Amino acid sequence: MEVLSAAATDIADWHITENTAVEATRFTRYRGDGWQILVTLGHFGLRAALSMYARLAGVPGLPSTRIAVGLASVDHVPGPDLSDAHGAAFVVSGRALAGMARGERLRLAGDRINPLRAAFFGLLDDRISDWTPEQAEAVAHAIAPDAPTQSAIAATLGISPQALSSRLAGARWPAIRRILHAWERPVPPGEEPA
């Protein structure tokens, strides 16, 4: 839980542009080994989910986690603890989590989920299943929208830039990054989201 809580705090510090940050996330331990996070900029939910997964998978010996992302309305969040929050996002994510198949790590639920969006999640679920701890750790450092350069990440990890590049390539990070950019792009009025 400490790793996930720290990841949620880091997500709140992400800067999308110089003047736009993700802002406060709310992380709550839920029913023993469960957890919830609220990301106020919903279109960053996929990036946040992958970040949470990568942070946990990047620490050898820790258990894995399953993540259901609910894209829907949030009606009421009375305080920092999400156990009293209300809204469709909490309902659909809870149902999606309960319906996940054995071995499934990532699922999308909510309003206006088209087949392409669901396919993104299925593809990413398949990709992250093969991450080694080293690959997950590399992705965890590279996934923020305002991530440092690969040279800086390599220095932080105490490895060469070539080793970092190899870990990211093994994690399929270049393709995942393209999916994230497509997912997060603004949708013009009247256009169907991808």
N, C-alpha and C. Protein backbone atom coordinates (compact mmCIF):
# COMPACT_ATOMS: atom_id res chain seq x y z
N MET A 1 0.82 -1.20 0.00
CA MET A 1 0.00 0.00 0.00
C MET A 1 0.86 1.26 0.00
N GLU A 2 2.03 1.17 0.63
CA GLU A 2 2.92 2.34 0.64
C GLU A 2 3.39 2.70 -0.77
N VAL A 3 3.71 1.69 -1.57
CA VAL A 3 4.15 1.92 -2.95
C VAL A 3 3.03 2.56 -3.76
N LEU A 4 1.80 2.04 -3.63
CA LEU A 4 0.67 2.58 -4.38
C LEU A 4 0.33 3.99 -3.92
N SER A 5 0.37 4.23 -2.63
CA SER A 5 0.08 5.57 -2.11
C SER A 5 1.10 6.58 -2.62
N ALA A 6 2.37 6.20 -2.64
CA ALA A 6 3.41 7.09 -3.16
C ALA A 6 3.21 7.35 -4.65
N ALA A 7 2.79 6.31 -5.39
CA ALA A 7 2.53 6.49 -6.82
C ALA A 7 1.38 7.47 -7.03
N ALA A 8 0.33 7.37 -6.22
CA ALA A 8 -0.81 8.30 -6.34
C ALA A 8 -0.36 9.73 -6.07
N THR A 9 0.50 9.91 -5.09
CA THR A 9 1.03 11.25 -4.80
C THR A 9 1.83 11.78 -5.98
N ASP A 10 2.64 10.93 -6.60
CA ASP A 10 3.43 11.35 -7.76
C ASP A 10 2.54 11.72 -8.94
N ILE A 11 1.46 10.98 -9.13
CA ILE A 11 0.53 11.28 -10.23
C ILE A 11 -0.06 12.67 -10.06
N ALA A 12 -0.34 13.06 -8.83
CA ALA A 12 -0.90 14.40 -8.57
C ALA A 12 0.07 15.50 -8.98
N ASP A 13 1.36 15.18 -9.06
CA ASP A 13 2.37 16.18 -9.43
C ASP A 13 2.65 16.23 -10.93
N TRP A 14 2.01 15.35 -11.70
CA TRP A 14 2.24 15.37 -13.14
C TRP A 14 1.81 16.71 -13.73
N HIS A 15 2.61 17.23 -14.64
CA HIS A 15 2.25 18.45 -15.36
C HIS A 15 2.01 18.09 -16.82
N ILE A 16 0.80 18.43 -17.28
CA ILE A 16 0.42 18.16 -18.66
C ILE A 16 1.02 19.24 -19.56
N THR A 17 0.89 20.46 -19.12
CA THR A 17 1.55 21.59 -19.77
C THR A 17 2.21 22.39 -18.65
N GLU A 18 2.88 23.45 -19.01
CA GLU A 18 3.56 24.25 -17.99
C GLU A 18 2.58 24.75 -16.93
N ASN A 19 1.34 25.04 -17.32
CA ASN A 19 0.37 25.61 -16.39
C ASN A 19 -0.74 24.65 -15.98
N THR A 20 -0.71 23.41 -16.43
CA THR A 20 -1.78 22.47 -16.12
C THR A 20 -1.21 21.21 -15.48
N ALA A 21 -1.68 20.93 -14.26
CA ALA A 21 -1.26 19.72 -13.54
C ALA A 21 -2.47 18.81 -13.37
N VAL A 22 -2.21 17.53 -13.11
CA VAL A 22 -3.30 16.58 -12.86
C VAL A 22 -4.06 16.99 -11.61
N GLU A 23 -3.38 17.57 -10.65
CA GLU A 23 -3.93 18.03 -9.37
C GLU A 23 -4.13 16.88 -8.42
N ALA A 24 -4.76 17.18 -7.31
CA ALA A 24 -4.87 16.22 -6.21
C ALA A 24 -5.53 14.91 -6.65
N THR A 25 -4.87 13.83 -6.32
CA THR A 25 -5.48 12.52 -6.47
C THR A 25 -5.92 12.11 -5.07
N ARG A 26 -6.88 11.24 -5.03
CA ARG A 26 -7.32 10.74 -3.73
C ARG A 26 -7.11 9.23 -3.75
N PHE A 27 -6.29 8.77 -2.84
CA PHE A 27 -5.97 7.35 -2.74
C PHE A 27 -6.51 6.82 -1.43
N THR A 28 -7.20 5.69 -1.49
CA THR A 28 -7.79 5.09 -0.29
C THR A 28 -7.61 3.59 -0.32
N ARG A 29 -7.14 3.05 0.78
CA ARG A 29 -7.13 1.60 0.94
C ARG A 29 -8.58 1.16 1.12
N TYR A 30 -8.94 0.06 0.47
CA TYR A 30 -10.34 -0.33 0.44
C TYR A 30 -10.47 -1.82 0.71
N ARG A 31 -11.17 -2.18 1.76
CA ARG A 31 -11.45 -3.58 2.09
C ARG A 31 -10.20 -4.45 2.12
N GLY A 32 -9.31 -4.18 3.00
CA GLY A 32 -8.12 -5.02 3.19
C GLY A 32 -7.03 -4.75 2.17
N ASP A 33 -6.99 -5.58 1.11
CA ASP A 33 -5.92 -5.42 0.13
C ASP A 33 -6.38 -4.67 -1.12
N GLY A 34 -7.58 -4.13 -1.10
CA GLY A 34 -8.07 -3.34 -2.23
C GLY A 34 -7.69 -1.87 -2.08
N TRP A 35 -7.83 -1.14 -3.17
CA TRP A 35 -7.50 0.28 -3.15
C TRP A 35 -8.28 1.00 -4.24
N GLN A 36 -8.41 2.30 -4.07
CA GLN A 36 -9.07 3.16 -5.06
C GLN A 36 -8.26 4.43 -5.22
N ILE A 37 -8.31 4.99 -6.41
CA ILE A 37 -7.71 6.29 -6.65
C ILE A 37 -8.66 7.09 -7.53
N LEU A 38 -8.79 8.36 -7.23
CA LEU A 38 -9.59 9.27 -8.05
C LEU A 38 -8.62 10.21 -8.75
N VAL A 39 -8.68 10.22 -10.09
CA VAL A 39 -7.87 11.13 -10.89
C VAL A 39 -8.82 12.15 -11.49
N THR A 40 -8.65 13.42 -11.13
CA THR A 40 -9.61 14.45 -11.53
C THR A 40 -9.64 14.69 -13.03
N LEU A 41 -8.53 14.52 -13.71
CA LEU A 41 -8.53 14.63 -15.17
C LEU A 41 -8.71 13.22 -15.73
N GLY A 42 -9.96 12.85 -15.98
CA GLY A 42 -10.31 11.48 -16.33
C GLY A 42 -9.60 10.91 -17.54
N HIS A 43 -9.27 11.76 -18.52
CA HIS A 43 -8.60 11.24 -19.71
C HIS A 43 -7.17 10.79 -19.40
N PHE A 44 -6.68 11.06 -18.19
CA PHE A 44 -5.39 10.55 -17.76
C PHE A 44 -5.53 9.28 -16.92
N GLY A 45 -6.74 8.72 -16.86
CA GLY A 45 -6.99 7.51 -16.09
C GLY A 45 -6.18 6.32 -16.57
N LEU A 46 -6.04 6.18 -17.89
CA LEU A 46 -5.27 5.06 -18.42
C LEU A 46 -3.80 5.19 -18.03
N ARG A 47 -3.24 6.37 -18.20
CA ARG A 47 -1.84 6.60 -17.83
C ARG A 47 -1.64 6.38 -16.33
N ALA A 48 -2.60 6.85 -15.53
CA ALA A 48 -2.51 6.66 -14.08
C ALA A 48 -2.57 5.18 -13.72
N ALA A 49 -3.46 4.44 -14.37
CA ALA A 49 -3.59 3.00 -14.09
C ALA A 49 -2.29 2.28 -14.42
N LEU A 50 -1.72 2.58 -15.57
CA LEU A 50 -0.46 1.94 -15.95
C LEU A 50 0.67 2.33 -15.01
N SER A 51 0.65 3.57 -14.56
CA SER A 51 1.67 4.03 -13.62
C SER A 51 1.57 3.27 -12.30
N MET A 52 0.36 3.13 -11.80
CA MET A 52 0.16 2.39 -10.54
C MET A 52 0.63 0.95 -10.70
N TYR A 53 0.26 0.33 -11.81
CA TYR A 53 0.67 -1.06 -12.06
C TYR A 53 2.19 -1.16 -12.15
N ALA A 54 2.81 -0.26 -12.90
CA ALA A 54 4.26 -0.30 -13.09
C ALA A 54 5.00 -0.10 -11.78
N ARG A 55 4.52 0.83 -10.96
CA ARG A 55 5.20 1.08 -9.68
C ARG A 55 5.21 -0.17 -8.82
N LEU A 56 4.09 -0.87 -8.76
CA LEU A 56 4.01 -2.07 -7.94
C LEU A 56 4.81 -3.22 -8.56
N ALA A 57 4.68 -3.40 -9.87
CA ALA A 57 5.39 -4.49 -10.56
C ALA A 57 6.89 -4.26 -10.59
N GLY A 58 7.32 -3.02 -10.40
CA GLY A 58 8.74 -2.70 -10.42
C GLY A 58 9.48 -3.02 -9.13
N VAL A 59 8.75 -3.48 -8.12
CA VAL A 59 9.38 -3.84 -6.85
C VAL A 59 9.30 -5.36 -6.70
N PRO A 60 10.42 -6.05 -6.89
CA PRO A 60 10.40 -7.52 -6.81
C PRO A 60 9.87 -7.99 -5.45
N GLY A 61 9.08 -9.05 -5.51
CA GLY A 61 8.57 -9.65 -4.30
C GLY A 61 7.21 -9.13 -3.84
N LEU A 62 6.76 -8.01 -4.41
CA LEU A 62 5.44 -7.50 -4.03
C LEU A 62 4.37 -8.20 -4.87
N PRO A 63 3.16 -8.32 -4.33
CA PRO A 63 2.10 -8.94 -5.11
C PRO A 63 1.68 -8.05 -6.27
N SER A 64 1.03 -8.65 -7.24
CA SER A 64 0.51 -7.91 -8.39
C SER A 64 -0.81 -7.23 -7.99
N THR A 65 -1.36 -6.48 -8.88
CA THR A 65 -2.64 -5.84 -8.64
C THR A 65 -3.49 -5.91 -9.89
N ARG A 66 -4.80 -5.81 -9.70
CA ARG A 66 -5.73 -5.70 -10.83
C ARG A 66 -6.35 -4.32 -10.76
N ILE A 67 -6.58 -3.73 -11.94
CA ILE A 67 -7.08 -2.35 -11.99
C ILE A 67 -8.25 -2.26 -12.94
N ALA A 68 -9.36 -1.73 -12.43
CA ALA A 68 -10.52 -1.42 -13.27
C ALA A 68 -10.66 0.10 -13.30
N VAL A 69 -10.65 0.66 -14.49
CA VAL A 69 -10.77 2.10 -14.67
C VAL A 69 -12.22 2.41 -15.00
N GLY A 70 -12.83 3.26 -14.18
CA GLY A 70 -14.21 3.67 -14.42
C GLY A 70 -14.25 5.06 -15.01
N LEU A 71 -14.68 5.16 -16.26
CA LEU A 71 -14.85 6.47 -16.91
C LEU A 71 -16.33 6.83 -16.85
N ALA A 72 -16.69 7.59 -15.86
CA ALA A 72 -18.09 7.98 -15.66
C ALA A 72 -18.11 9.14 -14.68
N SER A 73 -19.30 9.56 -14.31
CA SER A 73 -19.44 10.72 -13.44
C SER A 73 -19.09 10.38 -11.99
N VAL A 74 -18.64 11.41 -11.28
CA VAL A 74 -18.40 11.34 -9.84
C VAL A 74 -19.33 12.39 -9.23
N ASP A 75 -20.27 11.92 -8.42
CA ASP A 75 -21.29 12.82 -7.88
C ASP A 75 -20.87 13.52 -6.61
N HIS A 76 -20.24 12.78 -5.70
CA HIS A 76 -19.96 13.35 -4.39
C HIS A 76 -18.73 12.69 -3.78
N VAL A 77 -17.76 13.52 -3.42
CA VAL A 77 -16.57 13.04 -2.71
C VAL A 77 -16.44 13.93 -1.48
N PRO A 78 -16.97 13.47 -0.34
CA PRO A 78 -17.04 14.34 0.83
C PRO A 78 -15.72 14.67 1.50
N GLY A 79 -14.69 13.88 1.28
CA GLY A 79 -13.40 14.14 1.92
C GLY A 79 -12.30 13.41 1.21
N PRO A 80 -11.14 13.35 1.83
CA PRO A 80 -10.00 12.70 1.18
C PRO A 80 -10.17 11.18 1.06
N ASP A 81 -10.99 10.59 1.92
CA ASP A 81 -11.22 9.15 1.90
C ASP A 81 -12.32 8.83 0.89
N LEU A 82 -12.08 7.90 -0.03
CA LEU A 82 -13.04 7.60 -1.08
C LEU A 82 -14.11 6.61 -0.66
N SER A 83 -14.06 6.09 0.56
CA SER A 83 -15.04 5.09 0.96
C SER A 83 -16.46 5.65 1.05
N ASP A 84 -16.60 6.96 1.18
CA ASP A 84 -17.93 7.58 1.22
C ASP A 84 -18.28 8.29 -0.09
N ALA A 85 -17.47 8.12 -1.13
CA ALA A 85 -17.72 8.79 -2.40
C ALA A 85 -18.86 8.11 -3.15
N HIS A 86 -19.54 8.89 -4.00
CA HIS A 86 -20.66 8.38 -4.77
C HIS A 86 -20.50 8.79 -6.24
N GLY A 87 -21.01 7.94 -7.11
CA GLY A 87 -21.02 8.26 -8.52
C GLY A 87 -20.87 7.03 -9.37
N ALA A 88 -21.25 7.18 -10.63
CA ALA A 88 -21.21 6.05 -11.56
C ALA A 88 -19.80 5.51 -11.75
N ALA A 89 -18.78 6.36 -11.67
CA ALA A 89 -17.41 5.90 -11.87
C ALA A 89 -17.04 4.82 -10.85
N PHE A 90 -17.48 4.99 -9.62
CA PHE A 90 -17.17 4.01 -8.58
C PHE A 90 -17.96 2.72 -8.79
N VAL A 91 -19.19 2.85 -9.24
CA VAL A 91 -20.04 1.67 -9.47
C VAL A 91 -19.51 0.84 -10.63
N VAL A 92 -19.25 1.49 -11.76
CA VAL A 92 -18.81 0.72 -12.94
C VAL A 92 -17.43 0.12 -12.75
N SER A 93 -16.54 0.83 -12.06
CA SER A 93 -15.21 0.26 -11.84
C SER A 93 -15.29 -0.92 -10.88
N GLY A 94 -16.14 -0.83 -9.87
CA GLY A 94 -16.31 -1.94 -8.94
C GLY A 94 -16.87 -3.17 -9.62
N ARG A 95 -17.87 -2.97 -10.47
CA ARG A 95 -18.45 -4.11 -11.21
C ARG A 95 -17.43 -4.70 -12.17
N ALA A 96 -16.66 -3.85 -12.83
CA ALA A 96 -15.64 -4.34 -13.77
C ALA A 96 -14.58 -5.15 -13.03
N LEU A 97 -14.17 -4.67 -11.88
CA LEU A 97 -13.17 -5.40 -11.09
C LEU A 97 -13.71 -6.76 -10.68
N ALA A 98 -14.96 -6.79 -10.23
CA ALA A 98 -15.56 -8.06 -9.81
C ALA A 98 -15.70 -9.04 -10.98
N GLY A 99 -15.85 -8.53 -12.20
CA GLY A 99 -16.05 -9.39 -13.36
C GLY A 99 -14.78 -9.76 -14.11
N MET A 100 -13.62 -9.35 -13.60
CA MET A 100 -12.37 -9.64 -14.29
C MET A 100 -12.04 -11.12 -14.24
N ALA A 101 -11.55 -11.62 -15.36
CA ALA A 101 -11.14 -13.03 -15.46
C ALA A 101 -9.83 -13.24 -14.72
N ARG A 102 -9.58 -14.48 -14.35
CA ARG A 102 -8.32 -14.81 -13.71
C ARG A 102 -7.17 -14.45 -14.66
N GLY A 103 -6.17 -13.78 -14.14
CA GLY A 103 -5.03 -13.38 -14.96
C GLY A 103 -5.21 -12.03 -15.64
N GLU A 104 -6.42 -11.50 -15.64
CA GLU A 104 -6.66 -10.18 -16.23
C GLU A 104 -6.18 -9.12 -15.24
N ARG A 105 -5.47 -8.12 -15.73
CA ARG A 105 -4.91 -7.09 -14.87
C ARG A 105 -5.54 -5.72 -15.07
N LEU A 106 -6.15 -5.49 -16.22
CA LEU A 106 -6.59 -4.16 -16.59
C LEU A 106 -7.91 -4.24 -17.33
N ARG A 107 -8.89 -3.44 -16.90
CA ARG A 107 -10.18 -3.42 -17.59
C ARG A 107 -10.76 -2.01 -17.54
N LEU A 108 -11.49 -1.67 -18.60
CA LEU A 108 -12.14 -0.38 -18.72
C LEU A 108 -13.65 -0.56 -18.62
N ALA A 109 -14.29 0.37 -17.93
CA ALA A 109 -15.75 0.36 -17.82
C ALA A 109 -16.24 1.80 -17.77
N GLY A 110 -17.49 2.00 -18.17
CA GLY A 110 -18.06 3.33 -18.04
C GLY A 110 -18.92 3.74 -19.20
N ASP A 111 -19.19 5.04 -19.22
CA ASP A 111 -20.04 5.64 -20.23
C ASP A 111 -19.32 5.70 -21.59
N ARG A 112 -20.05 5.42 -22.63
CA ARG A 112 -19.56 5.60 -24.00
C ARG A 112 -18.23 4.89 -24.26
N ILE A 113 -18.13 3.66 -23.81
CA ILE A 113 -16.91 2.88 -24.08
C ILE A 113 -17.13 2.15 -25.40
N ASN A 114 -16.43 2.59 -26.42
CA ASN A 114 -16.58 1.94 -27.72
C ASN A 114 -15.59 0.77 -27.85
N PRO A 115 -15.77 -0.06 -28.86
CA PRO A 115 -14.90 -1.23 -29.00
C PRO A 115 -13.41 -0.90 -29.13
N LEU A 116 -13.07 0.22 -29.75
CA LEU A 116 -11.66 0.58 -29.89
C LEU A 116 -11.03 0.89 -28.54
N ARG A 117 -11.75 1.62 -27.70
CA ARG A 117 -11.23 1.91 -26.36
C ARG A 117 -11.06 0.63 -25.55
N ALA A 118 -12.04 -0.25 -25.62
CA ALA A 118 -11.93 -1.52 -24.90
C ALA A 118 -10.75 -2.33 -25.44
N ALA A 119 -10.52 -2.28 -26.75
CA ALA A 119 -9.40 -3.01 -27.36
C ALA A 119 -8.06 -2.47 -26.88
N PHE A 120 -7.96 -1.13 -26.71
CA PHE A 120 -6.74 -0.56 -26.16
C PHE A 120 -6.41 -1.22 -24.82
N PHE A 121 -7.41 -1.34 -23.98
CA PHE A 121 -7.18 -1.92 -22.66
C PHE A 121 -6.79 -3.39 -22.76
N GLY A 122 -7.45 -4.13 -23.66
CA GLY A 122 -7.10 -5.53 -23.84
C GLY A 122 -5.67 -5.69 -24.31
N LEU A 123 -5.26 -4.85 -25.26
CA LEU A 123 -3.89 -4.90 -25.76
C LEU A 123 -2.89 -4.56 -24.66
N LEU A 124 -3.18 -3.51 -23.90
CA LEU A 124 -2.27 -3.13 -22.84
C LEU A 124 -2.21 -4.18 -21.73
N ASP A 125 -3.35 -4.80 -21.44
CA ASP A 125 -3.36 -5.88 -20.45
C ASP A 125 -2.41 -6.99 -20.89
N ASP A 126 -2.44 -7.31 -22.16
CA ASP A 126 -1.54 -8.34 -22.69
C ASP A 126 -0.08 -7.90 -22.60
N ARG A 127 0.20 -6.65 -22.92
CA ARG A 127 1.57 -6.14 -22.93
C ARG A 127 2.18 -6.14 -21.53
N ILE A 128 1.43 -5.66 -20.53
CA ILE A 128 2.00 -5.52 -19.19
C ILE A 128 2.18 -6.86 -18.49
N SER A 129 1.52 -7.90 -18.99
CA SER A 129 1.63 -9.21 -18.34
C SER A 129 3.04 -9.78 -18.43
N ASP A 130 3.82 -9.33 -19.39
CA ASP A 130 5.17 -9.85 -19.59
C ASP A 130 6.27 -8.98 -19.00
N TRP A 131 5.91 -7.87 -18.36
CA TRP A 131 6.94 -6.98 -17.83
C TRP A 131 7.76 -7.66 -16.74
N THR A 132 9.05 -7.52 -16.85
CA THR A 132 9.94 -7.92 -15.75
C THR A 132 9.93 -6.78 -14.72
N PRO A 133 10.40 -7.02 -13.51
CA PRO A 133 10.49 -5.90 -12.56
C PRO A 133 11.33 -4.74 -13.08
N GLU A 134 12.40 -5.06 -13.78
CA GLU A 134 13.27 -4.00 -14.32
C GLU A 134 12.55 -3.19 -15.40
N GLN A 135 11.79 -3.86 -16.26
CA GLN A 135 11.04 -3.16 -17.29
C GLN A 135 9.95 -2.29 -16.66
N ALA A 136 9.24 -2.84 -15.68
CA ALA A 136 8.18 -2.08 -15.01
C ALA A 136 8.76 -0.85 -14.31
N GLU A 137 9.91 -1.01 -13.68
CA GLU A 137 10.55 0.13 -13.01
C GLU A 137 10.91 1.21 -14.02
N ALA A 138 11.41 0.80 -15.18
CA ALA A 138 11.77 1.77 -16.22
C ALA A 138 10.53 2.51 -16.70
N VAL A 139 9.44 1.78 -16.95
CA VAL A 139 8.19 2.42 -17.39
C VAL A 139 7.67 3.37 -16.31
N ALA A 140 7.76 2.96 -15.05
CA ALA A 140 7.28 3.81 -13.95
C ALA A 140 7.99 5.17 -13.95
N HIS A 141 9.25 5.19 -14.35
CA HIS A 141 10.00 6.45 -14.40
C HIS A 141 9.72 7.24 -15.67
N ALA A 142 9.30 6.56 -16.73
CA ALA A 142 9.12 7.22 -18.04
C ALA A 142 7.68 7.63 -18.31
N ILE A 143 6.72 7.20 -17.51
CA ILE A 143 5.31 7.31 -17.88
C ILE A 143 4.68 8.68 -17.63
N ALA A 144 5.24 9.47 -16.76
CA ALA A 144 4.65 10.79 -16.49
C ALA A 144 4.64 11.62 -17.77
N PRO A 145 3.60 12.44 -17.98
CA PRO A 145 3.58 13.30 -19.17
C PRO A 145 4.78 14.24 -19.22
N ASP A 146 5.30 14.59 -18.06
CA ASP A 146 6.46 15.48 -17.98
C ASP A 146 7.69 14.72 -17.48
N ALA A 147 7.83 13.48 -17.92
CA ALA A 147 8.93 12.63 -17.47
C ALA A 147 10.28 13.24 -17.82
N PRO A 148 11.28 12.95 -17.00
CA PRO A 148 12.63 13.42 -17.34
C PRO A 148 13.16 12.73 -18.59
N THR A 149 14.27 13.19 -19.06
CA THR A 149 14.89 12.56 -20.24
C THR A 149 15.33 11.14 -19.89
N GLN A 150 15.54 10.34 -20.93
CA GLN A 150 16.00 8.98 -20.70
C GLN A 150 17.39 8.97 -20.05
N SER A 151 18.22 9.93 -20.36
CA SER A 151 19.54 10.00 -19.71
C SER A 151 19.39 10.25 -18.21
N ALA A 152 18.46 11.13 -17.85
CA ALA A 152 18.23 11.41 -16.43
C ALA A 152 17.63 10.21 -15.72
N ILE A 153 16.70 9.51 -16.38
CA ILE A 153 16.11 8.31 -15.78
C ILE A 153 17.19 7.25 -15.58
N ALA A 154 18.03 7.05 -16.59
CA ALA A 154 19.11 6.06 -16.48
C ALA A 154 20.03 6.40 -15.30
N ALA A 155 20.35 7.68 -15.13
CA ALA A 155 21.21 8.10 -14.01
C ALA A 155 20.52 7.82 -12.68
N THR A 156 19.23 8.08 -12.60
CA THR A 156 18.48 7.81 -11.37
C THR A 156 18.51 6.31 -11.03
N LEU A 157 18.38 5.48 -12.06
CA LEU A 157 18.36 4.03 -11.85
C LEU A 157 19.76 3.43 -11.71
N GLY A 158 20.79 4.23 -12.01
CA GLY A 158 22.15 3.73 -11.91
C GLY A 158 22.52 2.76 -13.01
N ILE A 159 21.92 2.97 -14.20
CA ILE A 159 22.21 2.11 -15.35
C ILE A 159 22.59 2.99 -16.53
N SER A 160 23.08 2.38 -17.58
CA SER A 160 23.45 3.14 -18.77
C SER A 160 22.19 3.51 -19.56
N PRO A 161 22.25 4.57 -20.36
CA PRO A 161 21.12 4.90 -21.22
C PRO A 161 20.74 3.75 -22.15
N GLN A 162 21.74 2.98 -22.60
CA GLN A 162 21.46 1.84 -23.47
C GLN A 162 20.67 0.77 -22.73
N ALA A 163 21.01 0.53 -21.46
CA ALA A 163 20.28 -0.46 -20.66
C ALA A 163 18.85 0.00 -20.44
N LEU A 164 18.67 1.29 -20.18
CA LEU A 164 17.31 1.82 -20.01
C LEU A 164 16.52 1.66 -21.30
N SER A 165 17.12 2.02 -22.42
CA SER A 165 16.46 1.88 -23.71
C SER A 165 16.05 0.44 -23.96
N SER A 166 16.90 -0.50 -23.60
CA SER A 166 16.59 -1.91 -23.78
C SER A 166 15.42 -2.33 -22.90
N ARG A 167 15.39 -1.85 -21.67
CA ARG A 167 14.27 -2.19 -20.77
C ARG A 167 12.96 -1.61 -21.30
N LEU A 168 12.99 -0.38 -21.75
CA LEU A 168 11.76 0.25 -22.27
C LEU A 168 11.29 -0.44 -23.55
N ALA A 169 12.23 -0.82 -24.41
CA ALA A 169 11.86 -1.53 -25.64
C ALA A 169 11.25 -2.88 -25.29
N GLY A 170 11.82 -3.58 -24.32
CA GLY A 170 11.28 -4.87 -23.90
C GLY A 170 9.89 -4.76 -23.31
N ALA A 171 9.61 -3.62 -22.68
CA ALA A 171 8.28 -3.37 -22.11
C ALA A 171 7.29 -2.87 -23.16
N ARG A 172 7.75 -2.71 -24.39
CA ARG A 172 6.94 -2.17 -25.49
C ARG A 172 6.52 -0.73 -25.23
N TRP A 173 7.39 0.01 -24.52
CA TRP A 173 7.07 1.38 -24.15
C TRP A 173 6.81 2.30 -25.35
N PRO A 174 7.57 2.25 -26.45
CA PRO A 174 7.27 3.16 -27.55
C PRO A 174 5.83 3.00 -28.07
N ALA A 175 5.34 1.77 -28.21
CA ALA A 175 3.97 1.55 -28.67
C ALA A 175 2.96 1.97 -27.61
N ILE A 176 3.25 1.68 -26.36
CA ILE A 176 2.35 2.08 -25.28
C ILE A 176 2.25 3.60 -25.20
N ARG A 177 3.38 4.27 -25.36
CA ARG A 177 3.38 5.74 -25.34
C ARG A 177 2.50 6.30 -26.45
N ARG A 178 2.54 5.69 -27.63
CA ARG A 178 1.69 6.15 -28.74
C ARG A 178 0.21 5.94 -28.39
N ILE A 179 -0.13 4.82 -27.77
CA ILE A 179 -1.51 4.57 -27.36
C ILE A 179 -1.95 5.63 -26.35
N LEU A 180 -1.09 5.95 -25.39
CA LEU A 180 -1.43 6.96 -24.39
C LEU A 180 -1.68 8.32 -25.04
N HIS A 181 -0.84 8.70 -25.97
CA HIS A 181 -1.03 10.00 -26.65
C HIS A 181 -2.34 10.02 -27.43
N ALA A 182 -2.67 8.93 -28.10
CA ALA A 182 -3.94 8.87 -28.83
C ALA A 182 -5.12 8.92 -27.87
N TRP A 183 -5.01 8.21 -26.76
CA TRP A 183 -6.08 8.15 -25.76
C TRP A 183 -6.34 9.54 -25.17
N GLU A 184 -5.29 10.30 -24.94
CA GLU A 184 -5.40 11.57 -24.22
C GLU A 184 -5.66 12.78 -25.12
N ARG A 185 -5.62 12.57 -26.40
CA ARG A 185 -5.80 13.74 -27.28
C ARG A 185 -7.21 14.30 -27.11
N PRO A 186 -7.34 15.62 -27.16
CA PRO A 186 -8.67 16.22 -27.03
C PRO A 186 -9.56 15.80 -28.21
N VAL A 187 -10.81 15.57 -27.91
CA VAL A 187 -11.78 15.18 -28.95
C VAL A 187 -12.58 16.42 -29.32
N PRO A 188 -12.51 16.83 -30.60
CA PRO A 188 -13.28 18.00 -31.03
C PRO A 188 -14.78 17.75 -30.85
N PRO A 189 -15.54 18.81 -30.58
CA PRO A 189 -17.00 18.64 -30.42
C PRO A 189 -17.61 17.94 -31.62
N GLY A 190 -18.47 16.97 -31.35
CA GLY A 190 -19.16 16.24 -32.39
C GLY A 190 -18.42 15.03 -32.90
N GLU A 191 -17.13 14.91 -32.56
CA GLU A 191 -16.35 13.76 -33.03
C GLU A 191 -16.44 12.65 -31.98
N GLU A 192 -16.56 11.43 -32.46
CA GLU A 192 -16.61 10.28 -31.54
C GLU A 192 -15.22 10.01 -30.98
N PRO A 193 -15.09 9.80 -29.64
CA PRO A 193 -13.76 9.52 -29.10
C PRO A 193 -13.23 8.19 -29.61
N ALA A 194 -11.92 8.11 -29.80
CA ALA A 194 -11.29 6.88 -30.27
C ALA A 194 -11.32 5.82 -29.20
